[in-house]
Amino acid sequence: MSTTLTVTGMSCEHCEARVEDALSEVSGVTSATADRESESATVEGEAAVETLVAAVEDAGYDASAHS
């Protein structure tokens, strides 16, 4: 399953890596990619959207389910 989140606050490659690392640590996630230019992160695997949003917010960025 693929989930896309809107992530704001990323300004550099380090930010992208930090978001990717935070998402990758969530149980059930098989891969995660973040893109600061599109302000999004795409996650593969089985994890609740609420858990993914919380992981990104814990890393210091704003996140929401992509609409």
PDB file of N, CA and C in Angstrom:
ATOM      1  N   MET A   1       0.843  -1.176   0.000  1.00  0.00           N
ATOM      2  CA  MET A   1       0.000   0.000   0.000  1.00  0.00           C
ATOM      3  C   MET A   1       0.889   1.240   0.000  1.00  0.00           C
ATOM      4  N   SER A   2       0.508   2.226  -0.752  1.00  0.00           N
ATOM      5  CA  SER A   2       1.254   3.474  -0.843  1.00  0.00           C
ATOM      6  C   SER A   2       0.440   4.599  -0.211  1.00  0.00           C
ATOM      7  N   THR A   3       1.104   5.395   0.619  1.00  0.00           N
ATOM      8  CA  THR A   3       0.473   6.528   1.271  1.00  0.00           C
ATOM      9  C   THR A   3       1.294   7.774   0.984  1.00  0.00           C
ATOM     10  N   THR A   4       0.614   8.855   0.623  1.00  0.00           N
ATOM     11  CA  THR A   4       1.305  10.121   0.395  1.00  0.00           C
ATOM     12  C   THR A   4       0.873  11.119   1.458  1.00  0.00           C
ATOM     13  N   LEU A   5       1.864  11.754   2.063  1.00  0.00           N
ATOM     14  CA  LEU A   5       1.610  12.785   3.062  1.00  0.00           C
ATOM     15  C   LEU A   5       2.072  14.136   2.539  1.00  0.00           C
ATOM     16  N   THR A   6       1.408  15.183   2.969  1.00  0.00           N
ATOM     17  CA  THR A   6       1.889  16.537   2.732  1.00  0.00           C
ATOM     18  C   THR A   6       2.791  16.879   3.915  1.00  0.00           C
ATOM     19  N   VAL A   7       4.028  17.278   3.610  1.00  0.00           N
ATOM     20  CA  VAL A   7       4.994  17.598   4.663  1.00  0.00           C
ATOM     21  C   VAL A   7       5.546  18.996   4.395  1.00  0.00           C
ATOM     22  N   THR A   8       5.402  19.884   5.356  1.00  0.00           N
ATOM     23  CA  THR A   8       5.926  21.231   5.205  1.00  0.00           C
ATOM     24  C   THR A   8       7.051  21.458   6.200  1.00  0.00           C
ATOM     25  N   GLY A   9       7.947  22.346   5.846  1.00  0.00           N
ATOM     26  CA  GLY A   9       9.051  22.693   6.717  1.00  0.00           C
ATOM     27  C   GLY A   9      10.394  22.133   6.279  1.00  0.00           C
ATOM     28  N   MET A  10      10.405  21.279   5.245  1.00  0.00           N
ATOM     29  CA  MET A  10      11.674  20.742   4.745  1.00  0.00           C
ATOM     30  C   MET A  10      12.332  21.791   3.851  1.00  0.00           C
ATOM     31  N   SER A  11      13.629  22.061   4.094  1.00  0.00           N
ATOM     32  CA  SER A  11      14.302  23.081   3.297  1.00  0.00           C
ATOM     33  C   SER A  11      15.599  22.595   2.655  1.00  0.00           C
ATOM     34  N   CYS A  12      16.012  21.351   2.948  1.00  0.00           N
ATOM     35  CA  CYS A  12      17.285  20.861   2.418  1.00  0.00           C
ATOM     36  C   CYS A  12      17.284  19.333   2.355  1.00  0.00           C
ATOM     37  N   GLU A  13      18.359  18.778   1.820  1.00  0.00           N
ATOM     38  CA  GLU A  13      18.468  17.326   1.732  1.00  0.00           C
ATOM     39  C   GLU A  13      18.476  16.675   3.109  1.00  0.00           C
ATOM     40  N   HIS A  14      19.091  17.346   4.073  1.00  0.00           N
ATOM     41  CA  HIS A  14      19.116  16.817   5.438  1.00  0.00           C
ATOM     42  C   HIS A  14      17.690  16.682   5.977  1.00  0.00           C
ATOM     43  N   CYS A  15      16.846  17.654   5.686  1.00  0.00           N
ATOM     44  CA  CYS A  15      15.451  17.602   6.125  1.00  0.00           C
ATOM     45  C   CYS A  15      14.743  16.396   5.504  1.00  0.00           C
ATOM     46  N   GLU A  16      14.946  16.201   4.215  1.00  0.00           N
ATOM     47  CA  GLU A  16      14.341  15.052   3.542  1.00  0.00           C
ATOM     48  C   GLU A  16      14.785  13.753   4.197  1.00  0.00           C
ATOM     49  N   ALA A  17      16.083  13.635   4.459  1.00  0.00           N
ATOM     50  CA  ALA A  17      16.620  12.421   5.076  1.00  0.00           C
ATOM     51  C   ALA A  17      16.033  12.213   6.469  1.00  0.00           C
ATOM     52  N   ARG A  18      15.866  13.286   7.200  1.00  0.00           N
ATOM     53  CA  ARG A  18      15.308  13.186   8.554  1.00  0.00           C
ATOM     54  C   ARG A  18      13.868  12.675   8.513  1.00  0.00           C
ATOM     55  N   VAL A  19      13.076  13.179   7.574  1.00  0.00           N
ATOM     56  CA  VAL A  19      11.694  12.720   7.418  1.00  0.00           C
ATOM     57  C   VAL A  19      11.681  11.251   6.978  1.00  0.00           C
ATOM     58  N   GLU A  20      12.522  10.908   6.021  1.00  0.00           N
ATOM     59  CA  GLU A  20      12.586   9.527   5.553  1.00  0.00           C
ATOM     60  C   GLU A  20      12.974   8.580   6.683  1.00  0.00           C
ATOM     61  N   ASP A  21      13.953   8.972   7.486  1.00  0.00           N
ATOM     62  CA  ASP A  21      14.379   8.140   8.613  1.00  0.00           C
ATOM     63  C   ASP A  21      13.246   7.958   9.622  1.00  0.00           C
ATOM     64  N   ALA A  22      12.552   9.042   9.926  1.00  0.00           N
ATOM     65  CA  ALA A  22      11.452   8.974  10.894  1.00  0.00           C
ATOM     66  C   ALA A  22      10.357   8.043  10.403  1.00  0.00           C
ATOM     67  N   LEU A  23      10.027   8.142   9.122  1.00  0.00           N
ATOM     68  CA  LEU A  23       8.988   7.287   8.566  1.00  0.00           C
ATOM     69  C   LEU A  23       9.439   5.836   8.491  1.00  0.00           C
ATOM     70  N   SER A  24      10.696   5.614   8.162  1.00  0.00           N
ATOM     71  CA  SER A  24      11.220   4.254   8.037  1.00  0.00           C
ATOM     72  C   SER A  24      11.220   3.512   9.371  1.00  0.00           C
ATOM     73  N   GLU A  25      11.248   4.239  10.463  1.00  0.00           N
ATOM     74  CA  GLU A  25      11.250   3.623  11.788  1.00  0.00           C
ATOM     75  C   GLU A  25       9.861   3.161  12.227  1.00  0.00           C
ATOM     76  N   VAL A  26       8.824   3.564  11.507  1.00  0.00           N
ATOM     77  CA  VAL A  26       7.461   3.165  11.854  1.00  0.00           C
ATOM     78  C   VAL A  26       7.265   1.698  11.472  1.00  0.00           C
ATOM     79  N   SER A  27       6.714   0.939  12.378  1.00  0.00           N
ATOM     80  CA  SER A  27       6.456  -0.478  12.137  1.00  0.00           C
ATOM     81  C   SER A  27       5.532  -0.648  10.932  1.00  0.00           C
ATOM     82  N   GLY A  28       5.925  -1.532  10.016  1.00  0.00           N
ATOM     83  CA  GLY A  28       5.116  -1.812   8.834  1.00  0.00           C
ATOM     84  C   GLY A  28       5.549  -1.054   7.591  1.00  0.00           C
ATOM     85  N   VAL A  29       6.426  -0.059   7.748  1.00  0.00           N
ATOM     86  CA  VAL A  29       6.898   0.729   6.606  1.00  0.00           C
ATOM     87  C   VAL A  29       8.046  -0.021   5.934  1.00  0.00           C
ATOM     88  N   THR A  30       7.934  -0.207   4.610  1.00  0.00           N
ATOM     89  CA  THR A  30       8.999  -0.891   3.869  1.00  0.00           C
ATOM     90  C   THR A  30       9.919   0.095   3.158  1.00  0.00           C
ATOM     91  N   SER A  31       9.408   1.279   2.812  1.00  0.00           N
ATOM     92  CA  SER A  31      10.245   2.329   2.226  1.00  0.00           C
ATOM     93  C   SER A  31       9.550   3.678   2.373  1.00  0.00           C
ATOM     94  N   ALA A  32      10.381   4.727   2.368  1.00  0.00           N
ATOM     95  CA  ALA A  32       9.842   6.085   2.481  1.00  0.00           C
ATOM     96  C   ALA A  32      10.740   7.036   1.710  1.00  0.00           C
ATOM     97  N   THR A  33      10.113   7.934   0.958  1.00  0.00           N
ATOM     98  CA  THR A  33      10.859   8.966   0.247  1.00  0.00           C
ATOM     99  C   THR A  33      10.188  10.309   0.515  1.00  0.00           C
ATOM    100  N   ALA A  34      11.018  11.329   0.699  1.00  0.00           N
ATOM    101  CA  ALA A  34      10.512  12.675   0.946  1.00  0.00           C
ATOM    102  C   ALA A  34      11.047  13.602  -0.137  1.00  0.00           C
ATOM    103  N   ASP A  35      10.239  14.583  -0.517  1.00  0.00           N
ATOM    104  CA  ASP A  35      10.630  15.550  -1.542  1.00  0.00           C
ATOM    105  C   ASP A  35      10.237  16.943  -1.071  1.00  0.00           C
ATOM    106  N   ARG A  36      11.251  17.751  -0.751  1.00  0.00           N
ATOM    107  CA  ARG A  36      10.972  19.092  -0.217  1.00  0.00           C
ATOM    108  C   ARG A  36      10.319  19.995  -1.252  1.00  0.00           C
ATOM    109  N   GLU A  37      10.640  19.805  -2.524  1.00  0.00           N
ATOM    110  CA  GLU A  37      10.082  20.686  -3.558  1.00  0.00           C
ATOM    111  C   GLU A  37       8.586  20.477  -3.743  1.00  0.00           C
ATOM    112  N   SER A  38       8.132  19.235  -3.633  1.00  0.00           N
ATOM    113  CA  SER A  38       6.694  18.974  -3.759  1.00  0.00           C
ATOM    114  C   SER A  38       6.003  18.963  -2.393  1.00  0.00           C
ATOM    115  N   GLU A  39       6.797  19.175  -1.325  1.00  0.00           N
ATOM    116  CA  GLU A  39       6.288  19.156   0.044  1.00  0.00           C
ATOM    117  C   GLU A  39       5.490  17.891   0.317  1.00  0.00           C
ATOM    118  N   SER A  40       6.102  16.742  -0.020  1.00  0.00           N
ATOM    119  CA  SER A  40       5.400  15.490   0.180  1.00  0.00           C
ATOM    120  C   SER A  40       6.354  14.377   0.598  1.00  0.00           C
ATOM    121  N   ALA A  41       5.757  13.326   1.119  1.00  0.00           N
ATOM    122  CA  ALA A  41       6.484  12.099   1.426  1.00  0.00           C
ATOM    123  C   ALA A  41       5.602  10.938   0.991  1.00  0.00           C
ATOM    124  N   THR A  42       6.224   9.945   0.370  1.00  0.00           N
ATOM    125  CA  THR A  42       5.514   8.759  -0.069  1.00  0.00           C
ATOM    126  C   THR A  42       6.033   7.571   0.722  1.00  0.00           C
ATOM    127  N   VAL A  43       5.101   6.817   1.266  1.00  0.00           N
ATOM    128  CA  VAL A  43       5.442   5.699   2.134  1.00  0.00           C
ATOM    129  C   VAL A  43       4.841   4.422   1.560  1.00  0.00           C
ATOM    130  N   GLU A  44       5.657   3.377   1.504  1.00  0.00           N
ATOM    131  CA  GLU A  44       5.194   2.056   1.093  1.00  0.00           C
ATOM    132  C   GLU A  44       5.120   1.181   2.331  1.00  0.00           C
ATOM    133  N   GLY A  45       4.069   0.385   2.420  1.00  0.00           N
ATOM    134  CA  GLY A  45       3.928  -0.537   3.535  1.00  0.00           C
ATOM    135  C   GLY A  45       2.578  -0.392   4.202  1.00  0.00           C
ATOM    136  N   GLU A  46       2.449  -1.106   5.301  1.00  0.00           N
ATOM    137  CA  GLU A  46       1.198  -1.125   6.051  1.00  0.00           C
ATOM    138  C   GLU A  46       1.385  -0.382   7.363  1.00  0.00           C
ATOM    139  N   ALA A  47       0.966   0.863   7.407  1.00  0.00           N
ATOM    140  CA  ALA A  47       1.029   1.652   8.637  1.00  0.00           C
ATOM    141  C   ALA A  47      -0.130   2.650   8.619  1.00  0.00           C
ATOM    142  N   ALA A  48      -0.670   2.921   9.783  1.00  0.00           N
ATOM    143  CA  ALA A  48      -1.779   3.868   9.891  1.00  0.00           C
ATOM    144  C   ALA A  48      -1.302   5.278   9.568  1.00  0.00           C
ATOM    145  N   VAL A  49      -2.121   6.010   8.841  1.00  0.00           N
ATOM    146  CA  VAL A  49      -1.777   7.382   8.457  1.00  0.00           C
ATOM    147  C   VAL A  49      -1.491   8.231   9.690  1.00  0.00           C
ATOM    148  N   GLU A  50      -2.280   8.046  10.731  1.00  0.00           N
ATOM    149  CA  GLU A  50      -2.091   8.822  11.951  1.00  0.00           C
ATOM    150  C   GLU A  50      -0.706   8.571  12.551  1.00  0.00           C
ATOM    151  N   THR A  51      -0.232   7.339  12.473  1.00  0.00           N
ATOM    152  CA  THR A  51       1.086   6.990  13.001  1.00  0.00           C
ATOM    153  C   THR A  51       2.181   7.636  12.164  1.00  0.00           C
ATOM    154  N   LEU A  52       1.993   7.661  10.848  1.00  0.00           N
ATOM    155  CA  LEU A  52       2.971   8.284   9.957  1.00  0.00           C
ATOM    156  C   LEU A  52       3.050   9.791  10.205  1.00  0.00           C
ATOM    157  N   VAL A  53       1.893  10.425  10.324  1.00  0.00           N
ATOM    158  CA  VAL A  53       1.853  11.870  10.595  1.00  0.00           C
ATOM    159  C   VAL A  53       2.549  12.175  11.920  1.00  0.00           C
ATOM    160  N   ALA A  54       2.283  11.371  12.930  1.00  0.00           N
ATOM    161  CA  ALA A  54       2.906  11.577  14.238  1.00  0.00           C
ATOM    162  C   ALA A  54       4.427  11.440  14.159  1.00  0.00           C
ATOM    163  N   ALA A  55       4.919  10.486  13.373  1.00  0.00           N
ATOM    164  CA  ALA A  55       6.362  10.283  13.231  1.00  0.00           C
ATOM    165  C   ALA A  55       7.023  11.501  12.596  1.00  0.00           C
ATOM    166  N   VAL A  56       6.382  12.059  11.573  1.00  0.00           N
ATOM    167  CA  VAL A  56       6.931  13.249  10.912  1.00  0.00           C
ATOM    168  C   VAL A  56       6.903  14.440  11.865  1.00  0.00           C
ATOM    169  N   GLU A  57       5.812  14.595  12.584  1.00  0.00           N
ATOM    170  CA  GLU A  57       5.710  15.716  13.525  1.00  0.00           C
ATOM    171  C   GLU A  57       6.732  15.577  14.651  1.00  0.00           C
ATOM    172  N   ASP A  58       6.969  14.350  15.111  1.00  0.00           N
ATOM    173  CA  ASP A  58       7.984  14.124  16.148  1.00  0.00           C
ATOM    174  C   ASP A  58       9.376  14.493  15.639  1.00  0.00           C
ATOM    175  N   ALA A  59       9.585  14.401  14.315  1.00  0.00           N
ATOM    176  CA  ALA A  59      10.874  14.764  13.715  1.00  0.00           C
ATOM    177  C   ALA A  59      11.002  16.277  13.527  1.00  0.00           C
ATOM    178  N   GLY A  60       9.915  17.017  13.777  1.00  0.00           N
ATOM    179  CA  GLY A  60       9.989  18.475  13.733  1.00  0.00           C
ATOM    180  C   GLY A  60       9.379  19.132  12.513  1.00  0.00           C
ATOM    181  N   TYR A  61       8.555  18.408  11.784  1.00  0.00           N
ATOM    182  CA  TYR A  61       7.937  18.949  10.569  1.00  0.00           C
ATOM    183  C   TYR A  61       6.432  18.826  10.664  1.00  0.00           C
ATOM    184  N   ASP A  62       5.725  19.636   9.901  1.00  0.00           N
ATOM    185  CA  ASP A  62       4.267  19.566   9.864  1.00  0.00           C
ATOM    186  C   ASP A  62       3.855  18.557   8.800  1.00  0.00           C
ATOM    187  N   ALA A  63       2.878  17.732   9.125  1.00  0.00           N
ATOM    188  CA  ALA A  63       2.417  16.711   8.179  1.00  0.00           C
ATOM    189  C   ALA A  63       0.917  16.546   8.258  1.00  0.00           C
ATOM    190  N   SER A  64       0.348  16.124   7.135  1.00  0.00           N
ATOM    191  CA  SER A  64      -1.062  15.819   7.078  1.00  0.00           C
ATOM    192  C   SER A  64      -1.287  14.815   5.954  1.00  0.00           C
ATOM    193  N   ALA A  65      -2.427  14.142   6.029  1.00  0.00           N
ATOM    194  CA  ALA A  65      -2.774  13.209   4.970  1.00  0.00           C
ATOM    195  C   ALA A  65      -2.959  13.999   3.684  1.00  0.00           C
ATOM    196  N   HIS A  66      -2.403  13.493   2.609  1.00  0.00           N
ATOM    197  CA  HIS A  66      -2.471  14.170   1.311  1.00  0.00           C
ATOM    198  C   HIS A  66      -3.906  14.113   0.805  1.00  0.00           C
ATOM    199  N   SER A  67      -4.433  15.262   0.422  1.00  0.00           N
ATOM    200  CA  SER A  67      -5.807  15.286  -0.080  1.00  0.00           C
ATOM    201  C   SER A  67      -5.857  15.578  -1.560  1.00  0.00           C
TER     202      SER A  67
END
